[in-house]
Amino acid sequence: MADLVYPTVIALARGVFAMQGLRFTLSGTENVPRTGGAVMAINHIGYLDFTYAGLAARPAGRLVRFMAKEEVFTHRVSGPLMRGMHHIPVDREAGSASFRAALLALKQGEIIGVFPEATISRSFELKEFKAGAVRLALSARVPILPTVIWGSQRVWTKGRPKRLGRTRVPITVAVGEPLSGARGENPAGVSETLRGRMQQMLHEAQETYVDRPRDPDDTWWQPRRLGGSAPTPEEAAAMDAQDRERRSLR
């Protein structure tokens, strides 16, 4: 693919990150293949996760094509940029076309970024995984790159105001060792293995994170398991269900 837009957007984004004072810790970048297709499976805790996760592929000289909801591609500002960067729109009601587009890109040697949880986790813990990421990797016979992000929820996440000024927020991005599965293997089993590995990586990122809440009002970004005031996974699931009900009524 000819990339005229993507490098320019990356340069602009890095300038914005510098102005914000974001402090990135990248690990496991050696696990990103220098050539060939791969599925980068990423946890989802903030609206800007895809911009941060892509940084982990830069040391390998790679660009990540993200699968994102179709509404982003129809927006008058983000739409032309997303299409120019060759990201892949996902229609949640009819996902077969996006699956075929991602499969073709994988076979052409691209890295495809996927959020197996599908939506942002309000609890900041891993939600249940959809099997699409694993099905893509198994169908294309490419490895899966378990990838976790921590800290991005402090910049912009669901139900919280944006903090796009100079916040100096630390953000961790870690890529684990590639996970491979044989074609014909049960996607549900591979997906469970992937989730277990990513959960271990996420816990490590949370426990080694350089910042701690400054005061009782600043505990919202910490999961309840670590003494924070974020919703529990059960509470978050109930909130998600209410959101789905409101959307269906609209």
Protein backbone atom coordinates (compact mmCIF):
# COMPACT_ATOMS: atom_id res chain seq x y z
CA MET A 1 0.00 0.00 0.00
CA ALA A 2 1.23 3.49 -0.79
CA ASP A 3 1.40 5.47 2.45
CA LEU A 4 1.26 9.21 1.87
CA VAL A 5 -1.08 10.13 4.73
CA TYR A 6 -0.01 7.80 7.55
CA PRO A 7 3.59 9.09 8.08
CA THR A 8 2.32 12.67 8.15
CA VAL A 9 -0.36 11.81 10.72
CA ILE A 10 2.22 10.00 12.88
CA ALA A 11 4.52 13.03 12.81
CA LEU A 12 1.66 15.34 13.81
CA ALA A 13 0.50 12.95 16.53
CA ARG A 14 4.01 12.71 18.02
CA GLY A 15 4.12 16.51 18.12
CA VAL A 16 0.81 16.57 19.99
CA PHE A 17 2.05 13.89 22.41
CA ALA A 18 5.17 15.98 23.07
CA MET A 19 3.09 19.08 23.77
CA GLN A 20 0.94 17.05 26.16
CA GLY A 21 4.09 15.82 27.87
CA LEU A 22 2.95 12.19 27.59
CA ARG A 23 5.64 9.83 28.85
CA PHE A 24 5.68 6.54 26.94
CA THR A 25 7.20 3.29 28.14
CA LEU A 26 7.36 0.78 25.28
CA SER A 27 8.40 -2.82 25.88
CA GLY A 28 8.44 -5.96 23.77
CA THR A 29 8.84 -4.03 20.52
CA GLU A 30 11.25 -6.75 19.38
CA ASN A 31 8.22 -9.07 19.20
CA VAL A 32 6.73 -7.09 16.30
CA PRO A 33 7.75 -8.89 13.07
CA ARG A 34 9.79 -6.84 10.61
CA THR A 35 7.94 -8.38 7.69
CA GLY A 36 4.76 -10.35 7.11
CA GLY A 37 1.25 -10.24 8.46
CA ALA A 38 0.22 -10.29 12.12
CA VAL A 39 -2.81 -9.49 14.25
CA MET A 40 -2.09 -7.04 17.07
CA ALA A 41 -4.68 -7.76 19.79
CA ILE A 42 -5.01 -4.79 22.18
CA ASN A 43 -6.97 -4.13 25.36
CA HIS A 44 -9.29 -1.13 25.22
CA ILE A 45 -9.45 1.46 28.02
CA GLY A 46 -9.51 4.81 26.19
CA TYR A 47 -10.59 6.53 23.00
CA LEU A 48 -7.00 7.15 21.83
CA ASP A 49 -5.67 3.62 22.37
CA PHE A 50 -5.11 3.02 18.66
CA THR A 51 -2.85 6.08 18.38
CA TYR A 52 -0.69 4.86 21.26
CA ALA A 53 -0.60 1.16 20.35
CA GLY A 54 0.73 1.95 16.89
CA LEU A 55 3.88 3.42 18.46
CA ALA A 56 4.96 -0.08 19.48
CA ALA A 57 5.32 -1.04 15.80
CA ARG A 58 7.52 1.92 14.85
CA PRO A 59 10.87 0.41 15.98
CA ALA A 60 10.18 -2.45 13.53
CA GLY A 61 9.43 0.06 10.78
CA ARG A 62 5.83 -1.14 10.60
CA LEU A 63 2.45 0.58 10.34
CA VAL A 64 -0.66 -0.90 11.96
CA ARG A 65 -3.98 -0.92 10.10
CA PHE A 66 -6.69 -0.70 12.73
CA MET A 67 -10.20 -2.08 12.57
CA ALA A 68 -12.51 0.67 13.85
CA LYS A 69 -16.25 1.32 13.99
CA GLU A 70 -17.75 2.59 10.76
CA GLU A 71 -18.91 5.89 12.29
CA VAL A 72 -15.30 7.07 12.52
CA PHE A 73 -14.97 6.69 8.74
CA THR A 74 -18.10 8.73 7.99
CA HIS A 75 -17.01 11.70 10.13
CA ARG A 76 -16.06 14.68 7.99
CA VAL A 77 -12.67 15.14 9.73
CA SER A 78 -11.57 11.69 10.82
CA GLY A 79 -13.08 9.86 7.83
CA PRO A 80 -10.62 11.03 5.14
CA LEU A 81 -7.69 10.44 7.52
CA MET A 82 -8.80 6.92 8.42
CA ARG A 83 -9.28 6.02 4.77
CA GLY A 84 -5.97 7.63 3.84
CA MET A 85 -4.20 5.48 6.43
CA HIS A 86 -5.90 2.35 5.05
CA HIS A 87 -7.61 1.46 8.30
CA ILE A 88 -10.59 -0.90 8.05
CA PRO A 89 -14.20 0.12 8.86
CA VAL A 90 -16.31 -2.30 10.86
CA ASP A 91 -20.09 -2.48 10.57
CA ARG A 92 -21.09 -4.17 13.82
CA GLU A 93 -24.36 -5.36 12.31
CA ALA A 94 -22.73 -6.94 9.25
CA GLY A 95 -19.05 -7.62 9.85
CA SER A 96 -18.32 -10.07 7.03
CA ALA A 97 -17.05 -7.37 4.63
CA SER A 98 -14.61 -5.98 7.20
CA PHE A 99 -13.43 -9.51 8.02
CA ARG A 100 -12.68 -10.14 4.34
CA ALA A 101 -10.88 -6.80 4.01
CA ALA A 102 -8.73 -7.51 7.08
CA LEU A 103 -7.99 -11.04 5.88
CA LEU A 104 -6.83 -9.72 2.51
CA ALA A 105 -4.59 -7.15 4.21
CA LEU A 106 -3.05 -9.84 6.42
CA LYS A 107 -2.28 -12.01 3.40
CA GLN A 108 -0.64 -8.97 1.82
CA GLY A 109 1.71 -8.76 4.81
CA GLU A 110 0.03 -6.05 6.88
CA ILE A 111 -0.28 -5.82 10.67
CA ILE A 112 -3.94 -5.49 11.64
CA GLY A 113 -4.85 -3.90 14.99
CA VAL A 114 -7.92 -5.36 16.71
CA PHE A 115 -9.59 -4.69 20.06
CA PRO A 116 -10.98 -8.12 21.09
CA GLU A 117 -13.16 -6.55 23.79
CA ALA A 118 -14.90 -4.54 21.01
CA THR A 119 -15.70 -1.60 23.32
CA ILE A 120 -13.94 0.35 26.05
CA SER A 121 -13.71 -1.36 29.43
CA ARG A 122 -15.11 0.94 32.10
CA SER A 123 -13.60 -1.23 34.83
CA PHE A 124 -10.15 -1.00 33.18
CA GLU A 125 -9.94 -4.77 33.53
CA LEU A 126 -10.23 -7.13 30.57
CA LYS A 127 -13.76 -7.81 29.38
CA GLU A 128 -14.72 -11.03 27.63
CA PHE A 129 -13.11 -11.37 24.20
CA LYS A 130 -14.83 -11.66 20.86
CA ALA A 131 -13.24 -14.40 18.74
CA GLY A 132 -12.78 -12.27 15.62
CA ALA A 133 -9.11 -11.44 16.21
CA VAL A 134 -8.22 -15.10 16.63
CA ARG A 135 -10.36 -16.17 13.66
CA LEU A 136 -8.52 -13.65 11.49
CA ALA A 137 -5.10 -14.89 12.57
CA LEU A 138 -6.00 -18.55 12.15
CA SER A 139 -7.55 -17.96 8.72
CA ALA A 140 -4.55 -15.97 7.47
CA ARG A 141 -2.02 -18.23 9.25
CA VAL A 142 -0.31 -15.30 10.94
CA PRO A 143 0.78 -14.78 14.58
CA ILE A 144 -1.16 -12.83 17.17
CA LEU A 145 0.69 -10.11 19.09
CA PRO A 146 -0.77 -9.77 22.63
CA THR A 147 -0.57 -6.04 23.39
CA VAL A 148 -1.62 -4.10 26.47
CA ILE A 149 -1.96 -0.39 27.19
CA TRP A 150 -2.14 1.25 30.58
CA GLY A 151 -2.53 4.94 31.45
CA SER A 152 -4.46 5.97 28.34
CA GLN A 153 -7.73 6.09 30.29
CA ARG A 154 -6.33 9.12 32.14
CA VAL A 155 -6.26 11.12 28.88
CA TRP A 156 -9.72 10.33 27.50
CA THR A 157 -12.09 7.50 28.29
CA LYS A 158 -15.79 6.76 28.43
CA GLY A 159 -17.73 8.81 30.95
CA ARG A 160 -14.84 11.13 31.84
CA PRO A 161 -13.88 14.58 30.51
CA LYS A 162 -11.02 14.80 28.01
CA ARG A 163 -7.62 15.82 29.35
CA LEU A 164 -5.85 16.86 26.17
CA GLY A 165 -3.67 19.60 27.64
CA ARG A 166 -0.21 19.21 29.11
CA THR A 167 -0.89 16.41 31.56
CA ARG A 168 2.47 14.54 31.56
CA VAL A 169 0.55 11.28 31.90
CA PRO A 170 2.72 8.13 31.71
CA ILE A 171 1.46 5.57 29.20
CA THR A 172 2.66 1.97 29.05
CA VAL A 173 2.49 -0.09 25.86
CA ALA A 174 3.73 -3.68 26.05
CA VAL A 175 3.85 -6.30 23.27
CA GLY A 176 4.10 -9.94 24.31
CA GLU A 177 5.63 -12.89 22.53
CA PRO A 178 3.68 -13.88 19.40
CA LEU A 179 0.95 -16.47 19.88
CA SER A 180 0.38 -18.91 17.05
CA GLY A 181 -2.40 -21.38 16.43
CA ALA A 182 -2.91 -24.04 13.80
CA ARG A 183 -5.52 -23.55 11.12
CA GLY A 184 -8.66 -25.41 12.13
CA GLU A 185 -7.90 -25.01 15.84
CA ASN A 186 -10.84 -24.00 18.02
CA PRO A 187 -10.90 -20.14 18.00
CA ALA A 188 -12.57 -20.04 21.42
CA GLY A 189 -9.71 -21.98 23.01
CA VAL A 190 -7.03 -19.81 21.39
CA SER A 191 -8.98 -16.69 22.38
CA GLU A 192 -9.05 -17.83 26.00
CA THR A 193 -5.28 -18.44 25.90
CA LEU A 194 -4.80 -14.97 24.41
CA ARG A 195 -6.97 -13.36 27.09
CA GLY A 196 -5.08 -15.15 29.87
CA ARG A 197 -1.75 -13.96 28.52
CA MET A 198 -2.99 -10.38 28.11
CA GLN A 199 -4.45 -10.38 31.61
CA GLN A 200 -1.07 -11.34 33.04
CA MET A 201 0.60 -8.59 30.99
CA LEU A 202 -2.01 -6.02 32.05
CA HIS A 203 -1.59 -6.83 35.73
CA GLU A 204 2.16 -6.42 35.37
CA ALA A 205 1.71 -3.05 33.61
CA GLN A 206 -0.66 -1.88 36.36
CA GLU A 207 1.63 -3.01 39.18
CA THR A 208 4.77 -1.43 37.69
CA TYR A 209 3.09 1.83 36.61
CA VAL A 210 5.09 4.83 37.77
CA ASP A 211 2.14 6.96 38.98
CA ARG A 212 -0.30 6.47 41.82
CA PRO A 213 -3.51 8.42 42.56
CA ARG A 214 -2.70 11.80 44.09
CA ASP A 215 -5.76 12.00 46.36
CA PRO A 216 -9.11 10.22 46.95
CA ASP A 217 -10.69 12.07 43.99
CA ASP A 218 -7.97 10.74 41.68
CA THR A 219 -8.67 7.04 42.23
CA TRP A 220 -11.23 6.80 39.38
CA TRP A 221 -8.62 5.47 36.92
CA GLN A 222 -7.54 2.62 39.19
CA PRO A 223 -9.43 -0.69 39.02
CA ARG A 224 -11.34 -1.69 42.12
CA ARG A 225 -9.04 -4.71 42.48
CA LEU A 226 -6.17 -2.32 43.23
CA GLY A 227 -8.12 -0.13 45.61
CA GLY A 228 -9.39 2.34 43.02
CA SER A 229 -12.92 3.63 42.51
CA ALA A 230 -13.47 2.46 38.91
CA PRO A 231 -16.60 0.33 38.44
CA THR A 232 -16.24 -3.37 39.10
CA PRO A 233 -16.44 -5.59 35.99
CA GLU A 234 -20.01 -6.48 37.01
CA GLU A 235 -21.01 -2.83 37.43
CA ALA A 236 -19.35 -1.95 34.12
CA ALA A 237 -21.24 -4.76 32.36
CA ALA A 238 -24.54 -3.39 33.70
CA MET A 239 -23.65 0.10 32.45
CA ASP A 240 -22.80 -1.32 29.02
CA ALA A 241 -26.15 -3.13 28.93
CA GLN A 242 -27.95 0.15 29.69
CA ASP A 243 -26.04 1.83 26.84
CA ARG A 244 -27.10 -0.92 24.42
CA GLU A 245 -30.72 -0.58 25.51
CA ARG A 246 -30.66 3.19 24.97
CA ARG A 247 -29.13 2.73 21.50
CA SER A 248 -31.77 0.18 20.54
CA LEU A 249 -34.56 2.54 21.65
CA ARG A 250 -33.08 5.32 19.51
